[in-house]
């Protein structure tokens, strides 16, 4: 088999994440498994060298890297080391949230400038991110604001299930007023496009969860189903002819059905409704993908795990899968 041309070599940019979390450690650990199966790609790590070296020392890694500046990224088309460290003075700014935000923003700019590239983000502390001055709750919302696209969708998937969220990082008592016909339709549109164009699934079947117990039980437990969800489903049936929507379904049985019925995707109305089942089924296999933006972005499905910082015991499987999916999605 001939090797791909240098101009077509895939490029993965991985962010540091929060320096007080496990992001750097799981990145270093993930390289062994990823590079066994995927040889022909470049991997750039955006972050602070001091943070990187501390984690390399903890895991006793023998991986080799070279340092480059942001300006040199577009000049690299040949793999000479295990990965490349990309540094910038803004990556050391204090408070921590500011440097974390700078790393994310510069990595987005880099992916935009590179062909055949994808972004993989390590976990961040969402509270510390507020110190950056950015008014966003996490990566998905930061990407939404950066690309000025209110239709950005959080998708979580593993080998057994694909779940898209109508609402993301908001309080539970805000869910009802945040759900709308337009948000449900845009979530459906993003998920359908991903299933058809990225996963090459013809005529996908997509199930949608209700928001109330028993889907409201004829308005006994809430009116969102009759006032918002069912009208949204009817509009989807009228508009989207390349897929089939099923629902709204009671959420307490929808995920059980999904394990036995060949649904290609599920729409959940709020964060824990969708992510508790998929993480319970296969936590380490789950990957977060942002839909509705012009770049490929994947991420781990977990947080910073700061109690494990620099202990050398963090599990890297979700990072490995995030990188695998990034490589897979680069066309």
Foldseek 3Di string as FASTA:
>chain_A
DDDDDLQQFAEEEEEQAQLLFCSLLLVLVLLVVQCVVDPRHAYEYEADVVSNVLNCVLQVDPFDEEEDELVCLVVDRDDDTSYYYYYDVQCPDPDRLQNRVVSVVSVVVSLVVGANYAYEYEFYDQVSVVVNVDPDRGDQRVLCVVQVPPLKWKWKDFPQAIEIELDEPDDPVCLLVSAALVSVLSRVVQVVCCCCPQVVDWAAEEEEEADFAQNCVVVVGHCCCVPGVVVSQVVCVVPDDRYHYDDRGHLVCVVVVSNVDVHPHYYYHYHCSGPVVRCVVPVLRMKIWMTDGPHTYIYFPDHRRSVCGSNNPDDNSSVSNRVVVSSSRRD
